[in-house]
Protein backbone atom coordinates (compact mmCIF):
# COMPACT_ATOMS: atom_id res chain seq x y z
CA UNK A 1 0.00 0.00 0.00
CA UNK A 2 1.24 3.46 -0.86
CA UNK A 3 0.45 6.99 0.19
CA UNK A 4 -1.32 9.22 -2.31
CA UNK A 5 -1.84 12.97 -2.23
CA UNK A 6 -5.33 13.87 -3.41
CA UNK A 7 -6.08 17.52 -4.22
CA UNK A 8 -9.20 19.25 -5.47
CA UNK A 9 -11.98 21.68 -4.65
CA UNK A 10 -15.38 21.59 -2.99
CA UNK A 11 -18.29 23.98 -2.78
CA UNK A 12 -19.37 25.57 0.47
CA UNK A 13 -21.48 28.58 1.40
CA UNK A 14 -18.61 31.03 0.88
CA UNK A 15 -17.65 29.63 -2.54
CA UNK A 16 -15.14 27.10 -3.77
CA UNK A 17 -12.51 25.85 -1.32
CA UNK A 18 -9.43 23.83 -2.14
CA UNK A 19 -8.26 20.77 -0.25
CA UNK A 20 -5.25 18.48 -0.20
CA UNK A 21 -5.11 15.30 1.81
CA UNK A 22 -2.80 12.29 2.18
CA UNK A 23 -4.52 8.91 1.82
CA UNK A 24 -3.10 5.40 2.37
CA UNK A 25 -4.42 3.19 -0.44
CA UNK A 26 -3.34 0.34 -2.73
CA UNK A 27 -3.91 2.40 -5.91
CA UNK A 28 -5.01 5.84 -7.17
CA UNK A 29 -8.65 4.83 -7.75
CA UNK A 30 -9.07 3.66 -4.17
CA UNK A 31 -7.34 6.82 -2.92
CA UNK A 32 -9.87 8.93 -4.85
CA UNK A 33 -12.81 7.00 -3.38
CA UNK A 34 -11.41 7.33 0.15
CA UNK A 35 -10.92 11.07 -0.36
CA UNK A 36 -14.58 11.41 -1.40
CA UNK A 37 -15.67 9.42 1.66
CA UNK A 38 -13.43 11.35 4.07
CA UNK A 39 -14.31 14.82 2.79
CA UNK A 40 -17.99 13.88 2.61
CA UNK A 41 -18.12 12.74 6.22
CA UNK A 42 -16.04 15.63 7.59
CA UNK A 43 -17.87 18.40 5.76
CA UNK A 44 -21.26 16.85 4.96
CA UNK A 45 -20.59 17.01 1.21
CA UNK A 46 -22.02 15.00 -1.65
CA UNK A 47 -19.78 13.69 -4.43
CA UNK A 48 -21.35 16.16 -6.87
CA UNK A 49 -20.11 19.03 -4.68
CA UNK A 50 -16.47 17.87 -4.87
CA UNK A 51 -13.96 17.81 -7.70
CA UNK A 52 -10.70 15.86 -7.53
CA UNK A 53 -8.05 17.60 -9.64
CA UNK A 54 -4.94 15.51 -9.00
CA UNK A 55 -3.98 12.17 -7.45
CA UNK A 56 -0.24 11.66 -7.08
CA UNK A 57 1.75 8.97 -5.34
CA UNK A 58 3.81 10.50 -2.54
CA UNK A 59 7.58 10.08 -2.74
CA UNK A 60 8.85 7.36 -0.44
PDB file of N, CA and C in Angstrom:
ATOM      1  N   UNK A   1       0.837  -1.173   0.000  1.00  0.00           N
ATOM      2  CA  UNK A   1       0.000   0.000   0.000  1.00  0.00           C
ATOM      3  C   UNK A   1       0.881   1.234   0.000  1.00  0.00           C
ATOM      4  N   UNK A   2       0.482   2.229  -0.784  1.00  0.00           N
ATOM      5  CA  UNK A   2       1.242   3.460  -0.855  1.00  0.00           C
ATOM      6  C   UNK A   2       0.450   4.632  -0.309  1.00  0.00           C
ATOM      7  N   UNK A   3       1.103   5.759  -0.241  1.00  0.00           N
ATOM      8  CA  UNK A   3       0.451   6.986   0.187  1.00  0.00           C
ATOM      9  C   UNK A   3       0.252   7.869  -1.032  1.00  0.00           C
ATOM     10  N   UNK A   4      -0.966   8.360  -1.189  1.00  0.00           N
ATOM     11  CA  UNK A   4      -1.321   9.219  -2.315  1.00  0.00           C
ATOM     12  C   UNK A   4      -1.752  10.582  -1.799  1.00  0.00           C
ATOM     13  N   UNK A   5      -1.392  11.618  -2.530  1.00  0.00           N
ATOM     14  CA  UNK A   5      -1.844  12.968  -2.227  1.00  0.00           C
ATOM     15  C   UNK A   5      -2.980  13.290  -3.184  1.00  0.00           C
ATOM     16  N   UNK A   6      -4.143  13.565  -2.619  1.00  0.00           N
ATOM     17  CA  UNK A   6      -5.335  13.872  -3.407  1.00  0.00           C
ATOM     18  C   UNK A   6      -5.652  15.346  -3.200  1.00  0.00           C
ATOM     19  N   UNK A   7      -5.787  16.092  -4.302  1.00  0.00           N
ATOM     20  CA  UNK A   7      -6.076  17.524  -4.225  1.00  0.00           C
ATOM     21  C   UNK A   7      -7.261  17.850  -5.116  1.00  0.00           C
ATOM     22  N   UNK A   8      -8.040  18.837  -4.690  1.00  0.00           N
ATOM     23  CA  UNK A   8      -9.196  19.250  -5.474  1.00  0.00           C
ATOM     24  C   UNK A   8      -9.906  20.420  -4.831  1.00  0.00           C
ATOM     25  N   UNK A   9     -11.172  20.589  -5.192  1.00  0.00           N
ATOM     26  CA  UNK A   9     -11.982  21.678  -4.651  1.00  0.00           C
ATOM     27  C   UNK A   9     -13.344  21.140  -4.229  1.00  0.00           C
ATOM     28  N   UNK A  10     -13.999  21.892  -3.350  1.00  0.00           N
ATOM     29  CA  UNK A  10     -15.376  21.590  -2.986  1.00  0.00           C
ATOM     30  C   UNK A  10     -16.128  22.891  -2.786  1.00  0.00           C
ATOM     31  N   UNK A  11     -17.441  22.812  -2.933  1.00  0.00           N
ATOM     32  CA  UNK A  11     -18.289  23.983  -2.778  1.00  0.00           C
ATOM     33  C   UNK A  11     -18.730  24.098  -1.328  1.00  0.00           C
ATOM     34  N   UNK A  12     -18.703  25.315  -0.804  1.00  0.00           N
ATOM     35  CA  UNK A  12     -19.366  25.566   0.467  1.00  0.00           C
ATOM     36  C   UNK A  12     -20.092  26.903   0.358  1.00  0.00           C
ATOM     37  N   UNK A  13     -20.656  27.367   1.452  1.00  0.00           N
ATOM     38  CA  UNK A  13     -21.475  28.585   1.402  1.00  0.00           C
ATOM     39  C   UNK A  13     -20.707  29.806   0.924  1.00  0.00           C
ATOM     40  N   UNK A  14     -19.433  29.867   1.232  1.00  0.00           N
ATOM     41  CA  UNK A  14     -18.614  31.034   0.881  1.00  0.00           C
ATOM     42  C   UNK A  14     -18.031  30.939  -0.528  1.00  0.00           C
ATOM     43  N   UNK A  15     -18.215  29.814  -1.204  1.00  0.00           N
ATOM     44  CA  UNK A  15     -17.649  29.634  -2.543  1.00  0.00           C
ATOM     45  C   UNK A  15     -16.838  28.356  -2.615  1.00  0.00           C
ATOM     46  N   UNK A  16     -15.979  28.283  -3.601  1.00  0.00           N
ATOM     47  CA  UNK A  16     -15.144  27.095  -3.773  1.00  0.00           C
ATOM     48  C   UNK A  16     -13.952  27.133  -2.823  1.00  0.00           C
ATOM     49  N   UNK A  17     -13.662  26.001  -2.215  1.00  0.00           N
ATOM     50  CA  UNK A  17     -12.507  25.850  -1.325  1.00  0.00           C
ATOM     51  C   UNK A  17     -11.630  24.730  -1.861  1.00  0.00           C
ATOM     52  N   UNK A  18     -10.337  24.887  -1.695  1.00  0.00           N
ATOM     53  CA  UNK A  18      -9.428  23.833  -2.142  1.00  0.00           C
ATOM     54  C   UNK A  18      -9.066  22.934  -0.966  1.00  0.00           C
ATOM     55  N   UNK A  19      -8.708  21.701  -1.281  1.00  0.00           N
ATOM     56  CA  UNK A  19      -8.262  20.765  -0.255  1.00  0.00           C
ATOM     57  C   UNK A  19      -7.123  19.925  -0.802  1.00  0.00           C
ATOM     58  N   UNK A  20      -6.321  19.416   0.121  1.00  0.00           N
ATOM     59  CA  UNK A  20      -5.251  18.483  -0.204  1.00  0.00           C
ATOM     60  C   UNK A  20      -5.122  17.549   0.983  1.00  0.00           C
ATOM     61  N   UNK A  21      -5.161  16.264   0.727  1.00  0.00           N
ATOM     62  CA  UNK A  21      -5.114  15.299   1.810  1.00  0.00           C
ATOM     63  C   UNK A  21      -4.257  14.099   1.420  1.00  0.00           C
ATOM     64  N   UNK A  22      -3.607  13.490   2.400  1.00  0.00           N
ATOM     65  CA  UNK A  22      -2.797  12.287   2.182  1.00  0.00           C
ATOM     66  C   UNK A  22      -3.643  11.074   2.553  1.00  0.00           C
ATOM     67  N   UNK A  23      -3.691  10.105   1.641  1.00  0.00           N
ATOM     68  CA  UNK A  23      -4.519   8.914   1.822  1.00  0.00           C
ATOM     69  C   UNK A  23      -3.653   7.671   1.623  1.00  0.00           C
ATOM     70  N   UNK A  24      -3.750   6.703   2.546  1.00  0.00           N
ATOM     71  CA  UNK A  24      -3.100   5.400   2.366  1.00  0.00           C
ATOM     72  C   UNK A  24      -4.043   4.511   1.569  1.00  0.00           C
ATOM     73  N   UNK A  25      -3.569   4.017   0.422  1.00  0.00           N
ATOM     74  CA  UNK A  25      -4.415   3.188  -0.439  1.00  0.00           C
ATOM     75  C   UNK A  25      -3.547   2.315  -1.341  1.00  0.00           C
ATOM     76  N   UNK A  26      -4.111   1.212  -1.844  1.00  0.00           N
ATOM     77  CA  UNK A  26      -3.341   0.335  -2.726  1.00  0.00           C
ATOM     78  C   UNK A  26      -3.149   0.892  -4.132  1.00  0.00           C
ATOM     79  N   UNK A  27      -4.059   1.789  -4.583  1.00  0.00           N
ATOM     80  CA  UNK A  27      -3.911   2.399  -5.909  1.00  0.00           C
ATOM     81  C   UNK A  27      -4.625   3.752  -5.952  1.00  0.00           C
ATOM     82  N   UNK A  28      -4.474   4.476  -7.051  1.00  0.00           N
ATOM     83  CA  UNK A  28      -5.010   5.836  -7.167  1.00  0.00           C
ATOM     84  C   UNK A  28      -6.536   5.861  -7.151  1.00  0.00           C
ATOM     85  N   UNK A  29      -7.183   4.860  -7.741  1.00  0.00           N
ATOM     86  CA  UNK A  29      -8.651   4.831  -7.753  1.00  0.00           C
ATOM     87  C   UNK A  29      -9.218   4.693  -6.344  1.00  0.00           C
ATOM     88  N   UNK A  30      -8.627   3.842  -5.550  1.00  0.00           N
ATOM     89  CA  UNK A  30      -9.074   3.661  -4.167  1.00  0.00           C
ATOM     90  C   UNK A  30      -8.793   4.931  -3.365  1.00  0.00           C
ATOM     91  N   UNK A  31      -7.661   5.573  -3.613  1.00  0.00           N
ATOM     92  CA  UNK A  31      -7.340   6.825  -2.923  1.00  0.00           C
ATOM     93  C   UNK A  31      -8.386   7.893  -3.227  1.00  0.00           C
ATOM     94  N   UNK A  32      -8.832   7.970  -4.477  1.00  0.00           N
ATOM     95  CA  UNK A  32      -9.869   8.934  -4.853  1.00  0.00           C
ATOM     96  C   UNK A  32     -11.169   8.639  -4.116  1.00  0.00           C
ATOM     97  N   UNK A  33     -11.573   7.379  -4.077  1.00  0.00           N
ATOM     98  CA  UNK A  33     -12.807   6.998  -3.383  1.00  0.00           C
ATOM     99  C   UNK A  33     -12.723   7.310  -1.891  1.00  0.00           C
ATOM    100  N   UNK A  34     -11.573   7.042  -1.286  1.00  0.00           N
ATOM    101  CA  UNK A  34     -11.411   7.325   0.146  1.00  0.00           C
ATOM    102  C   UNK A  34     -11.411   8.825   0.415  1.00  0.00           C
ATOM    103  N   UNK A  35     -10.881   9.612  -0.512  1.00  0.00           N
ATOM    104  CA  UNK A  35     -10.918  11.072  -0.363  1.00  0.00           C
ATOM    105  C   UNK A  35     -12.357  11.570  -0.407  1.00  0.00           C
ATOM    106  N   UNK A  36     -13.163  11.047  -1.348  1.00  0.00           N
ATOM    107  CA  UNK A  36     -14.582  11.414  -1.404  1.00  0.00           C
ATOM    108  C   UNK A  36     -15.277  11.064  -0.092  1.00  0.00           C
ATOM    109  N   UNK A  37     -15.025   9.870   0.430  1.00  0.00           N
ATOM    110  CA  UNK A  37     -15.669   9.425   1.663  1.00  0.00           C
ATOM    111  C   UNK A  37     -15.240  10.277   2.854  1.00  0.00           C
ATOM    112  N   UNK A  38     -13.949  10.562   2.951  1.00  0.00           N
ATOM    113  CA  UNK A  38     -13.430  11.346   4.072  1.00  0.00           C
ATOM    114  C   UNK A  38     -13.951  12.778   4.049  1.00  0.00           C
ATOM    115  N   UNK A  39     -13.845  13.428   2.891  1.00  0.00           N
ATOM    116  CA  UNK A  39     -14.311  14.816   2.789  1.00  0.00           C
ATOM    117  C   UNK A  39     -15.828  14.893   2.967  1.00  0.00           C
ATOM    118  N   UNK A  40     -16.533  13.903   2.462  1.00  0.00           N
ATOM    119  CA  UNK A  40     -17.985  13.882   2.613  1.00  0.00           C
ATOM    120  C   UNK A  40     -18.409  13.758   4.063  1.00  0.00           C
ATOM    121  N   UNK A  41     -17.732  12.907   4.822  1.00  0.00           N
ATOM    122  CA  UNK A  41     -18.116  12.738   6.221  1.00  0.00           C
ATOM    123  C   UNK A  41     -17.675  13.913   7.086  1.00  0.00           C
ATOM    124  N   UNK A  42     -16.528  14.491   6.794  1.00  0.00           N
ATOM    125  CA  UNK A  42     -16.041  15.628   7.589  1.00  0.00           C
ATOM    126  C   UNK A  42     -16.852  16.896   7.363  1.00  0.00           C
ATOM    127  N   UNK A  43     -17.248  17.129   6.116  1.00  0.00           N
ATOM    128  CA  UNK A  43     -17.873  18.400   5.758  1.00  0.00           C
ATOM    129  C   UNK A  43     -19.325  18.264   5.312  1.00  0.00           C
ATOM    130  N   UNK A  44     -19.880  17.064   5.356  1.00  0.00           N
ATOM    131  CA  UNK A  44     -21.263  16.853   4.958  1.00  0.00           C
ATOM    132  C   UNK A  44     -21.498  17.112   3.480  1.00  0.00           C
ATOM    133  N   UNK A  45     -20.526  16.736   2.646  1.00  0.00           N
ATOM    134  CA  UNK A  45     -20.594  17.010   1.212  1.00  0.00           C
ATOM    135  C   UNK A  45     -21.057  15.789   0.431  1.00  0.00           C
ATOM    136  N   UNK A  46     -21.686  16.053  -0.702  1.00  0.00           N
ATOM    137  CA  UNK A  46     -22.018  14.999  -1.652  1.00  0.00           C
ATOM    138  C   UNK A  46     -20.922  14.958  -2.704  1.00  0.00           C
ATOM    139  N   UNK A  47     -20.818  13.837  -3.397  1.00  0.00           N
ATOM    140  CA  UNK A  47     -19.784  13.691  -4.430  1.00  0.00           C
ATOM    141  C   UNK A  47     -19.914  14.745  -5.519  1.00  0.00           C
ATOM    142  N   UNK A  48     -21.144  15.160  -5.814  1.00  0.00           N
ATOM    143  CA  UNK A  48     -21.353  16.162  -6.868  1.00  0.00           C
ATOM    144  C   UNK A  48     -20.856  17.543  -6.459  1.00  0.00           C
ATOM    145  N   UNK A  49     -20.605  17.747  -5.172  1.00  0.00           N
ATOM    146  CA  UNK A  49     -20.108  19.029  -4.676  1.00  0.00           C
ATOM    147  C   UNK A  49     -18.583  19.058  -4.579  1.00  0.00           C
ATOM    148  N   UNK A  50     -17.925  17.953  -4.940  1.00  0.00           N
ATOM    149  CA  UNK A  50     -16.471  17.866  -4.869  1.00  0.00           C
ATOM    150  C   UNK A  50     -15.884  17.564  -6.241  1.00  0.00           C
ATOM    151  N   UNK A  51     -14.697  18.100  -6.485  1.00  0.00           N
ATOM    152  CA  UNK A  51     -13.957  17.814  -7.705  1.00  0.00           C
ATOM    153  C   UNK A  51     -12.534  17.436  -7.316  1.00  0.00           C
ATOM    154  N   UNK A  52     -12.081  16.280  -7.765  1.00  0.00           N
ATOM    155  CA  UNK A  52     -10.699  15.864  -7.531  1.00  0.00           C
ATOM    156  C   UNK A  52      -9.890  16.267  -8.753  1.00  0.00           C
ATOM    157  N   UNK A  53      -8.874  17.100  -8.537  1.00  0.00           N
ATOM    158  CA  UNK A  53      -8.051  17.596  -9.637  1.00  0.00           C
ATOM    159  C   UNK A  53      -6.834  16.712  -9.895  1.00  0.00           C
ATOM    160  N   UNK A  54      -6.138  16.318  -8.830  1.00  0.00           N
ATOM    161  CA  UNK A  54      -4.936  15.508  -9.001  1.00  0.00           C
ATOM    162  C   UNK A  54      -4.863  14.404  -7.949  1.00  0.00           C
ATOM    163  N   UNK A  55      -4.299  13.281  -8.359  1.00  0.00           N
ATOM    164  CA  UNK A  55      -3.979  12.174  -7.454  1.00  0.00           C
ATOM    165  C   UNK A  55      -2.557  11.764  -7.793  1.00  0.00           C
ATOM    166  N   UNK A  56      -1.647  11.970  -6.847  1.00  0.00           N
ATOM    167  CA  UNK A  56      -0.236  11.659  -7.083  1.00  0.00           C
ATOM    168  C   UNK A  56       0.285  10.768  -5.971  1.00  0.00           C
ATOM    169  N   UNK A  57       1.122   9.817  -6.348  1.00  0.00           N
ATOM    170  CA  UNK A  57       1.746   8.968  -5.339  1.00  0.00           C
ATOM    171  C   UNK A  57       2.842   9.769  -4.646  1.00  0.00           C
ATOM    172  N   UNK A  58       2.822   9.760  -3.317  1.00  0.00           N
ATOM    173  CA  UNK A  58       3.812  10.503  -2.543  1.00  0.00           C
ATOM    174  C   UNK A  58       5.170   9.820  -2.658  1.00  0.00           C
ATOM    175  N   UNK A  59       6.213  10.617  -2.668  1.00  0.00           N
ATOM    176  CA  UNK A  59       7.575  10.079  -2.741  1.00  0.00           C
ATOM    177  C   UNK A  59       7.884   9.321  -1.458  1.00  0.00           C
ATOM    178  N   UNK A  60       8.525   8.193  -1.602  1.00  0.00           N
ATOM    179  CA  UNK A  60       8.855   7.359  -0.445  1.00  0.00           C
ATOM    180  C   UNK A  60      10.164   7.770   0.155  1.00  0.00           C
TER     181      UNK A  60
END
